[in-house]
């Protein structure tokens, strides 16, 4: 799918249900732990069930860059929630 970007960068967040193989996509303007956690919270609310496990590749949308901040990301804090 194409859409005008007007020289802005956009990123895609994808969630795949392992059982049904259903995919949910969201286009965001920044790749960050904030946008990703917002997406997952909205996904849980709209799908009507809690997410038990997520698989990540340790990209900066899941873990904070240690060269930029020493803050722990929501995924590291909530490891038991999504582990």
C-alpha atoms as a PDB file:
ATOM      1  CA  UNK A   1       0.000   0.000   0.000  1.00  0.00           C
ATOM      2  CA  UNK A   2       1.362   3.410  -0.915  1.00  0.00           C
ATOM      3  CA  UNK A   3       0.502   6.736   0.642  1.00  0.00           C
ATOM      4  CA  UNK A   4       2.093  10.175   0.474  1.00  0.00           C
ATOM      5  CA  UNK A   5       4.819  10.609   3.097  1.00  0.00           C
ATOM      6  CA  UNK A   6       5.665  14.261   2.486  1.00  0.00           C
ATOM      7  CA  UNK A   7       9.297  13.423   3.335  1.00  0.00           C
ATOM      8  CA  UNK A   8       8.369  12.020   6.751  1.00  0.00           C
ATOM      9  CA  UNK A   9       9.507   8.596   7.933  1.00  0.00           C
ATOM     10  CA  UNK A  10       6.941   6.045   9.015  1.00  0.00           C
ATOM     11  CA  UNK A  11       7.309   2.655  10.671  1.00  0.00           C
ATOM     12  CA  UNK A  12       5.108  -0.410  10.737  1.00  0.00           C
ATOM     13  CA  UNK A  13       4.321  -2.317  13.917  1.00  0.00           C
ATOM     14  CA  UNK A  14       3.038  -5.839  13.267  1.00  0.00           C
ATOM     15  CA  UNK A  15       1.366  -8.250  15.680  1.00  0.00           C
ATOM     16  CA  UNK A  16       0.720 -11.851  14.618  1.00  0.00           C
ATOM     17  CA  UNK A  17      -1.447 -14.235  16.597  1.00  0.00           C
ATOM     18  CA  UNK A  18       0.411 -17.564  16.515  1.00  0.00           C
ATOM     19  CA  UNK A  19      -2.808 -19.583  16.734  1.00  0.00           C
ATOM     20  CA  UNK A  20      -5.003 -17.915  14.119  1.00  0.00           C
ATOM     21  CA  UNK A  21      -2.150 -16.296  12.124  1.00  0.00           C
ATOM     22  CA  UNK A  22      -4.216 -13.094  12.165  1.00  0.00           C
ATOM     23  CA  UNK A  23      -2.061  -9.999  11.600  1.00  0.00           C
ATOM     24  CA  UNK A  24      -2.683  -6.516  12.929  1.00  0.00           C
ATOM     25  CA  UNK A  25      -0.624  -3.616  11.534  1.00  0.00           C
ATOM     26  CA  UNK A  26      -0.167  -0.041  12.654  1.00  0.00           C
ATOM     27  CA  UNK A  27       1.759   2.752  10.967  1.00  0.00           C
ATOM     28  CA  UNK A  28       3.573   5.091  13.386  1.00  0.00           C
ATOM     29  CA  UNK A  29       5.848   8.103  13.013  1.00  0.00           C
ATOM     30  CA  UNK A  30       8.505   6.920  15.449  1.00  0.00           C
ATOM     31  CA  UNK A  31      10.123   3.611  16.319  1.00  0.00           C
ATOM     32  CA  UNK A  32      10.011   3.718  20.112  1.00  0.00           C
ATOM     33  CA  UNK A  33       9.135   1.696  23.186  1.00  0.00           C
ATOM     34  CA  UNK A  34       6.361   4.220  23.845  1.00  0.00           C
ATOM     35  CA  UNK A  35       4.602   3.656  20.490  1.00  0.00           C
ATOM     36  CA  UNK A  36       5.048  -0.116  20.696  1.00  0.00           C
ATOM     37  CA  UNK A  37       3.689  -0.367  24.237  1.00  0.00           C
ATOM     38  CA  UNK A  38       0.725   1.858  23.309  1.00  0.00           C
ATOM     39  CA  UNK A  39       0.040  -0.454  20.350  1.00  0.00           C
ATOM     40  CA  UNK A  40       0.107  -3.570  22.553  1.00  0.00           C
ATOM     41  CA  UNK A  41      -2.155  -2.045  25.200  1.00  0.00           C
ATOM     42  CA  UNK A  42      -4.661  -0.990  22.517  1.00  0.00           C
ATOM     43  CA  UNK A  43      -4.410  -4.437  20.931  1.00  0.00           C
ATOM     44  CA  UNK A  44      -5.230  -6.177  24.227  1.00  0.00           C
ATOM     45  CA  UNK A  45      -8.193  -3.879  24.837  1.00  0.00           C
ATOM     46  CA  UNK A  46      -9.623  -4.204  21.310  1.00  0.00           C
ATOM     47  CA  UNK A  47      -9.036  -7.962  20.955  1.00  0.00           C
ATOM     48  CA  UNK A  48     -10.562  -8.652  24.368  1.00  0.00           C
ATOM     49  CA  UNK A  49      -7.817 -10.883  25.776  1.00  0.00           C
ATOM     50  CA  UNK A  50      -4.466 -10.480  27.490  1.00  0.00           C
ATOM     51  CA  UNK A  51      -1.260 -11.016  25.565  1.00  0.00           C
ATOM     52  CA  UNK A  52       0.782 -13.701  27.314  1.00  0.00           C
ATOM     53  CA  UNK A  53       3.943 -13.766  25.218  1.00  0.00           C
ATOM     54  CA  UNK A  54       5.633 -11.503  22.728  1.00  0.00           C
ATOM     55  CA  UNK A  55       8.679 -12.294  20.632  1.00  0.00           C
ATOM     56  CA  UNK A  56      11.068  -9.413  20.046  1.00  0.00           C
ATOM     57  CA  UNK A  57      14.350  -8.883  18.236  1.00  0.00           C
ATOM     58  CA  UNK A  58      15.708  -6.424  20.860  1.00  0.00           C
ATOM     59  CA  UNK A  59      15.275  -3.518  18.463  1.00  0.00           C
ATOM     60  CA  UNK A  60      14.982  -0.022  19.900  1.00  0.00           C
ATOM     61  CA  UNK A  61      11.209  -0.264  19.720  1.00  0.00           C
ATOM     62  CA  UNK A  62      11.506  -2.795  22.582  1.00  0.00           C
ATOM     63  CA  UNK A  63      14.666  -1.903  24.510  1.00  0.00           C
ATOM     64  CA  UNK A  64      16.189   1.512  25.120  1.00  0.00           C
ATOM     65  CA  UNK A  65      19.521   2.392  23.521  1.00  0.00           C
ATOM     66  CA  UNK A  66      22.052   2.236  26.386  1.00  0.00           C
ATOM     67  CA  UNK A  67      24.160   4.917  24.676  1.00  0.00           C
ATOM     68  CA  UNK A  68      21.231   7.370  24.839  1.00  0.00           C
ATOM     69  CA  UNK A  69      19.583   6.557  28.170  1.00  0.00           C
ATOM     70  CA  UNK A  70      19.977   4.347  31.226  1.00  0.00           C
ATOM     71  CA  UNK A  71      16.198   4.075  31.643  1.00  0.00           C
ATOM     72  CA  UNK A  72      14.603   0.638  31.612  1.00  0.00           C
ATOM     73  CA  UNK A  73      11.972   0.188  28.908  1.00  0.00           C
ATOM     74  CA  UNK A  74       8.400  -0.831  29.690  1.00  0.00           C
ATOM     75  CA  UNK A  75       9.183  -4.250  28.178  1.00  0.00           C
ATOM     76  CA  UNK A  76      12.102  -4.801  30.515  1.00  0.00           C
ATOM     77  CA  UNK A  77      10.033  -3.610  33.519  1.00  0.00           C
ATOM     78  CA  UNK A  78       7.022  -5.726  32.528  1.00  0.00           C
ATOM     79  CA  UNK A  79       8.953  -8.811  31.535  1.00  0.00           C
ATOM     80  CA  UNK A  80       6.625 -11.050  33.527  1.00  0.00           C
ATOM     81  CA  UNK A  81       3.556  -9.474  31.867  1.00  0.00           C
ATOM     82  CA  UNK A  82       4.620 -10.320  28.298  1.00  0.00           C
ATOM     83  CA  UNK A  83       7.032 -13.209  28.870  1.00  0.00           C
END
